[in-house]
């Protein structure tokens, strides 16, 4: 999914390896700065800590659905047309996939 977004929006992705503690709202503060500049890039935080301040393998992605074009890519819709996106979303919500457990 992320690879598809990167391919479709190569100039919009921002990555950071700076250590971030999401529970301390650091990531949200960064996103607020983009919002104030009326920019909505994909932002991927690669280096997170958990509530115990321990490093985690999780990553945090913001703005994957910040416009109609990104929604189309995310849902596999060929054209960024609201009606098509809404139909695809509805179809998916009516046919949920089972939860998959992933071991690290």
N, C-alpha and C. Protein backbone atom coordinates (compact mmCIF):
# COMPACT_ATOMS: atom_id res chain seq x y z
N UNK A 1 0.82 -1.20 0.00
CA UNK A 1 0.00 0.00 0.00
C UNK A 1 0.87 1.26 0.00
N UNK A 2 1.83 1.28 0.88
CA UNK A 2 2.72 2.45 0.95
C UNK A 2 3.51 2.61 -0.34
N UNK A 3 3.94 1.50 -0.91
CA UNK A 3 4.68 1.56 -2.17
C UNK A 3 3.82 2.16 -3.29
N UNK A 4 2.54 1.83 -3.30
CA UNK A 4 1.63 2.39 -4.30
C UNK A 4 1.48 3.89 -4.11
N UNK A 5 1.35 4.33 -2.87
CA UNK A 5 1.25 5.77 -2.61
C UNK A 5 2.54 6.49 -3.00
N UNK A 6 3.67 5.88 -2.68
CA UNK A 6 4.96 6.49 -3.05
C UNK A 6 5.11 6.61 -4.56
N UNK A 7 4.68 5.59 -5.29
CA UNK A 7 4.77 5.62 -6.75
C UNK A 7 3.85 6.68 -7.34
N UNK A 8 2.66 6.82 -6.77
CA UNK A 8 1.68 7.77 -7.29
C UNK A 8 1.99 9.21 -6.88
N UNK A 9 2.61 9.40 -5.72
CA UNK A 9 2.87 10.75 -5.19
C UNK A 9 4.32 10.88 -4.71
N UNK A 10 5.29 10.70 -5.61
CA UNK A 10 6.70 10.68 -5.17
C UNK A 10 7.19 11.99 -4.55
N UNK A 11 6.61 13.10 -4.94
CA UNK A 11 7.05 14.39 -4.40
C UNK A 11 6.35 14.76 -3.10
N UNK A 12 5.38 13.96 -2.69
CA UNK A 12 4.59 14.31 -1.51
C UNK A 12 4.99 13.56 -0.25
N UNK A 13 5.83 12.55 -0.36
CA UNK A 13 6.12 11.77 0.84
C UNK A 13 7.30 12.37 1.60
N UNK A 14 7.10 12.50 2.88
CA UNK A 14 8.13 12.98 3.80
C UNK A 14 8.38 11.86 4.80
N UNK A 15 9.64 11.52 4.97
CA UNK A 15 10.02 10.47 5.92
C UNK A 15 10.91 11.07 6.99
N UNK A 16 10.80 10.53 8.18
CA UNK A 16 11.71 10.95 9.23
C UNK A 16 12.11 9.76 10.09
N UNK A 17 13.39 9.72 10.41
CA UNK A 17 13.91 8.70 11.32
C UNK A 17 14.16 9.28 12.71
N UNK A 18 13.76 10.52 12.92
CA UNK A 18 13.88 11.15 14.23
C UNK A 18 13.00 10.41 15.22
N UNK A 19 13.50 10.16 16.41
CA UNK A 19 12.74 9.46 17.43
C UNK A 19 11.51 10.27 17.82
N UNK A 20 10.34 9.61 17.78
CA UNK A 20 9.07 10.27 18.06
C UNK A 20 8.31 9.44 19.09
N UNK A 21 7.71 10.14 20.04
CA UNK A 21 6.85 9.50 21.04
C UNK A 21 5.41 9.93 20.74
N UNK A 22 4.65 9.12 19.98
CA UNK A 22 3.30 9.52 19.58
C UNK A 22 2.39 9.89 20.75
N UNK A 23 2.55 9.22 21.89
CA UNK A 23 1.69 9.51 23.04
C UNK A 23 1.98 10.88 23.66
N UNK A 24 3.06 11.51 23.24
CA UNK A 24 3.36 12.87 23.71
C UNK A 24 2.99 13.91 22.66
N UNK A 25 2.24 13.49 21.65
CA UNK A 25 1.70 14.36 20.60
C UNK A 25 2.77 14.99 19.72
N UNK A 26 3.98 14.45 19.70
CA UNK A 26 5.04 15.03 18.87
C UNK A 26 4.69 14.92 17.39
N UNK A 27 4.17 13.78 16.98
CA UNK A 27 3.81 13.60 15.57
C UNK A 27 2.67 14.55 15.20
N UNK A 28 1.71 14.70 16.07
CA UNK A 28 0.59 15.61 15.81
C UNK A 28 1.06 17.05 15.68
N UNK A 29 2.05 17.43 16.46
CA UNK A 29 2.60 18.79 16.38
C UNK A 29 3.25 19.03 15.02
N UNK A 30 3.97 18.04 14.52
CA UNK A 30 4.58 18.16 13.19
C UNK A 30 3.48 18.32 12.14
N UNK A 31 2.43 17.53 12.25
CA UNK A 31 1.35 17.61 11.27
C UNK A 31 0.62 18.95 11.35
N UNK A 32 0.52 19.51 12.53
CA UNK A 32 -0.09 20.83 12.69
C UNK A 32 0.68 21.89 11.92
N UNK A 33 1.99 21.79 11.90
CA UNK A 33 2.81 22.75 11.14
C UNK A 33 2.53 22.64 9.64
N UNK A 34 2.40 21.43 9.13
CA UNK A 34 2.03 21.27 7.72
C UNK A 34 0.65 21.85 7.45
N UNK A 35 -0.27 21.60 8.36
CA UNK A 35 -1.65 22.09 8.21
C UNK A 35 -1.67 23.62 8.15
N UNK A 36 -0.91 24.26 9.00
CA UNK A 36 -0.87 25.72 9.01
C UNK A 36 -0.36 26.28 7.68
N UNK A 37 0.51 25.52 7.01
CA UNK A 37 1.01 25.93 5.69
C UNK A 37 0.11 25.43 4.56
N UNK A 38 -1.02 24.84 4.93
CA UNK A 38 -1.98 24.29 3.97
C UNK A 38 -1.32 23.26 3.06
N UNK A 39 -0.47 22.43 3.67
CA UNK A 39 0.16 21.33 2.95
C UNK A 39 -0.30 20.02 3.59
N UNK A 40 -0.46 19.00 2.76
CA UNK A 40 -0.97 17.72 3.25
C UNK A 40 -0.17 16.55 2.68
N UNK A 41 1.15 16.55 2.90
CA UNK A 41 1.96 15.45 2.36
C UNK A 41 1.74 14.16 3.13
N UNK A 42 2.12 13.06 2.52
CA UNK A 42 2.21 11.81 3.25
C UNK A 42 3.41 11.95 4.18
N UNK A 43 3.24 11.65 5.43
CA UNK A 43 4.35 11.76 6.38
C UNK A 43 4.49 10.41 7.09
N UNK A 44 5.68 9.84 6.99
CA UNK A 44 5.96 8.55 7.60
C UNK A 44 7.00 8.71 8.70
N UNK A 45 6.60 8.39 9.92
CA UNK A 45 7.50 8.41 11.07
C UNK A 45 8.02 6.98 11.24
N UNK A 46 9.31 6.79 11.07
CA UNK A 46 9.92 5.46 11.09
C UNK A 46 10.47 5.03 12.45
N UNK A 47 10.63 5.95 13.37
CA UNK A 47 11.33 5.65 14.62
C UNK A 47 10.45 6.06 15.81
N UNK A 48 9.69 5.11 16.32
CA UNK A 48 8.74 5.40 17.40
C UNK A 48 9.12 4.69 18.69
N UNK A 49 8.64 5.26 19.79
CA UNK A 49 8.73 4.59 21.08
C UNK A 49 7.33 4.35 21.61
N UNK A 50 7.19 3.34 22.46
CA UNK A 50 5.89 3.04 23.05
C UNK A 50 5.72 3.80 24.37
N UNK A 51 4.67 3.47 25.10
CA UNK A 51 4.39 4.17 26.36
C UNK A 51 5.47 3.96 27.42
N UNK A 52 6.25 2.91 27.28
CA UNK A 52 7.35 2.65 28.22
C UNK A 52 8.66 3.26 27.73
N UNK A 53 8.57 4.07 26.69
CA UNK A 53 9.75 4.71 26.09
C UNK A 53 10.71 3.70 25.46
N UNK A 54 10.17 2.55 25.03
CA UNK A 54 10.97 1.53 24.37
C UNK A 54 10.77 1.64 22.86
N UNK A 55 11.84 1.40 22.11
CA UNK A 55 11.72 1.41 20.66
C UNK A 55 10.72 0.36 20.21
N UNK A 56 10.00 0.65 19.14
CA UNK A 56 9.02 -0.27 18.60
C UNK A 56 9.21 -0.39 17.09
N UNK A 57 8.79 -1.51 16.53
CA UNK A 57 8.90 -1.73 15.09
C UNK A 57 7.78 -1.03 14.33
N UNK A 58 6.78 -0.52 15.04
CA UNK A 58 5.67 0.15 14.37
C UNK A 58 6.11 1.43 13.70
N UNK A 59 5.41 1.77 12.63
CA UNK A 59 5.62 3.04 11.94
C UNK A 59 4.30 3.79 11.99
N UNK A 60 4.35 5.08 11.76
CA UNK A 60 3.15 5.92 11.84
C UNK A 60 3.04 6.72 10.55
N UNK A 61 1.92 6.55 9.83
CA UNK A 61 1.70 7.23 8.56
C UNK A 61 0.53 8.20 8.69
N UNK A 62 0.75 9.43 8.28
CA UNK A 62 -0.30 10.45 8.26
C UNK A 62 -0.64 10.82 6.82
N UNK A 63 -1.86 11.23 6.61
CA UNK A 63 -2.36 11.81 5.36
C UNK A 63 -2.44 10.82 4.21
N UNK A 64 -2.62 9.56 4.50
CA UNK A 64 -2.78 8.57 3.43
C UNK A 64 -4.08 8.80 2.66
N UNK A 65 -5.04 9.48 3.27
CA UNK A 65 -6.33 9.73 2.64
C UNK A 65 -6.68 11.22 2.64
N UNK A 66 -5.68 12.08 2.50
CA UNK A 66 -5.92 13.52 2.66
C UNK A 66 -6.54 14.19 1.45
N UNK A 67 -6.66 13.47 0.34
CA UNK A 67 -7.37 14.03 -0.81
C UNK A 67 -7.96 12.89 -1.63
N UNK A 68 -8.78 13.25 -2.59
CA UNK A 68 -9.51 12.26 -3.38
C UNK A 68 -8.57 11.37 -4.20
N UNK A 69 -7.46 11.93 -4.64
CA UNK A 69 -6.50 11.16 -5.43
C UNK A 69 -5.86 10.05 -4.58
N UNK A 70 -5.51 10.38 -3.35
CA UNK A 70 -4.91 9.38 -2.46
C UNK A 70 -5.93 8.31 -2.08
N UNK A 71 -7.18 8.71 -1.90
CA UNK A 71 -8.23 7.74 -1.59
C UNK A 71 -8.39 6.75 -2.74
N UNK A 72 -8.34 7.25 -3.97
CA UNK A 72 -8.48 6.37 -5.13
C UNK A 72 -7.36 5.33 -5.16
N UNK A 73 -6.13 5.77 -4.94
CA UNK A 73 -5.00 4.84 -4.92
C UNK A 73 -5.18 3.81 -3.80
N UNK A 74 -5.55 4.27 -2.63
CA UNK A 74 -5.70 3.39 -1.47
C UNK A 74 -6.75 2.31 -1.70
N UNK A 75 -7.81 2.67 -2.41
CA UNK A 75 -8.90 1.73 -2.63
C UNK A 75 -8.79 0.98 -3.96
N UNK A 76 -7.77 1.29 -4.75
CA UNK A 76 -7.59 0.62 -6.03
C UNK A 76 -8.58 1.05 -7.09
N UNK A 77 -9.03 2.29 -7.01
CA UNK A 77 -9.96 2.84 -7.99
C UNK A 77 -9.15 3.56 -9.07
N UNK A 78 -9.45 3.26 -10.33
CA UNK A 78 -8.66 3.79 -11.45
C UNK A 78 -8.70 5.31 -11.56
N UNK A 79 -9.87 5.89 -11.36
CA UNK A 79 -10.02 7.34 -11.52
C UNK A 79 -10.43 7.97 -10.19
N UNK A 80 -9.91 9.14 -9.88
CA UNK A 80 -10.29 9.80 -8.62
C UNK A 80 -11.65 10.48 -8.72
N UNK A 81 -12.69 9.66 -8.77
CA UNK A 81 -14.07 10.14 -8.88
C UNK A 81 -14.79 9.76 -7.59
N UNK A 82 -15.38 10.76 -6.94
CA UNK A 82 -16.01 10.52 -5.63
C UNK A 82 -17.00 9.36 -5.63
N UNK A 83 -17.86 9.32 -6.64
CA UNK A 83 -18.88 8.27 -6.68
C UNK A 83 -18.24 6.89 -6.74
N UNK A 84 -17.22 6.72 -7.57
CA UNK A 84 -16.54 5.43 -7.68
C UNK A 84 -15.86 5.05 -6.37
N UNK A 85 -15.26 6.04 -5.73
CA UNK A 85 -14.58 5.79 -4.45
C UNK A 85 -15.59 5.40 -3.37
N UNK A 86 -16.71 6.11 -3.33
CA UNK A 86 -17.74 5.79 -2.34
C UNK A 86 -18.29 4.38 -2.56
N UNK A 87 -18.51 4.01 -3.83
CA UNK A 87 -19.01 2.67 -4.13
C UNK A 87 -18.01 1.60 -3.70
N UNK A 88 -16.74 1.82 -3.99
CA UNK A 88 -15.70 0.85 -3.62
C UNK A 88 -15.60 0.73 -2.09
N UNK A 89 -15.68 1.86 -1.40
CA UNK A 89 -15.63 1.84 0.06
C UNK A 89 -16.82 1.07 0.63
N UNK A 90 -17.99 1.33 0.08
CA UNK A 90 -19.20 0.65 0.53
C UNK A 90 -19.08 -0.86 0.31
N UNK A 91 -18.62 -1.26 -0.88
CA UNK A 91 -18.45 -2.68 -1.18
C UNK A 91 -17.50 -3.34 -0.17
N UNK A 92 -16.42 -2.65 0.13
CA UNK A 92 -15.46 -3.19 1.10
C UNK A 92 -16.04 -3.30 2.49
N UNK A 93 -16.84 -2.32 2.88
CA UNK A 93 -17.42 -2.35 4.22
C UNK A 93 -18.47 -3.46 4.35
N UNK A 94 -19.07 -3.85 3.24
CA UNK A 94 -20.06 -4.92 3.27
C UNK A 94 -19.41 -6.31 3.21
N UNK A 95 -18.14 -6.37 2.86
CA UNK A 95 -17.41 -7.63 2.75
C UNK A 95 -16.07 -7.52 3.48
N UNK A 96 -16.11 -7.40 4.80
CA UNK A 96 -14.84 -7.22 5.53
C UNK A 96 -13.96 -8.47 5.45
N UNK A 97 -12.67 -8.23 5.44
CA UNK A 97 -11.71 -9.33 5.43
C UNK A 97 -11.44 -9.76 6.87
N UNK A 98 -11.14 -11.04 7.06
CA UNK A 98 -10.83 -11.48 8.43
C UNK A 98 -9.52 -10.86 8.92
N UNK A 99 -9.44 -10.71 10.21
CA UNK A 99 -8.24 -10.16 10.82
C UNK A 99 -7.10 -11.16 10.65
N UNK A 100 -5.94 -10.65 10.28
CA UNK A 100 -4.76 -11.50 10.13
C UNK A 100 -3.76 -11.15 11.22
N UNK A 101 -3.29 -12.14 11.91
CA UNK A 101 -2.30 -11.91 12.96
C UNK A 101 -0.91 -12.03 12.36
N UNK A 102 -0.07 -11.05 12.64
CA UNK A 102 1.28 -11.03 12.09
C UNK A 102 2.26 -11.08 13.24
N UNK A 103 3.19 -12.01 13.19
CA UNK A 103 4.22 -12.11 14.21
C UNK A 103 5.47 -11.41 13.73
N UNK A 104 6.12 -10.67 14.61
CA UNK A 104 7.36 -9.96 14.26
C UNK A 104 8.54 -10.83 14.58
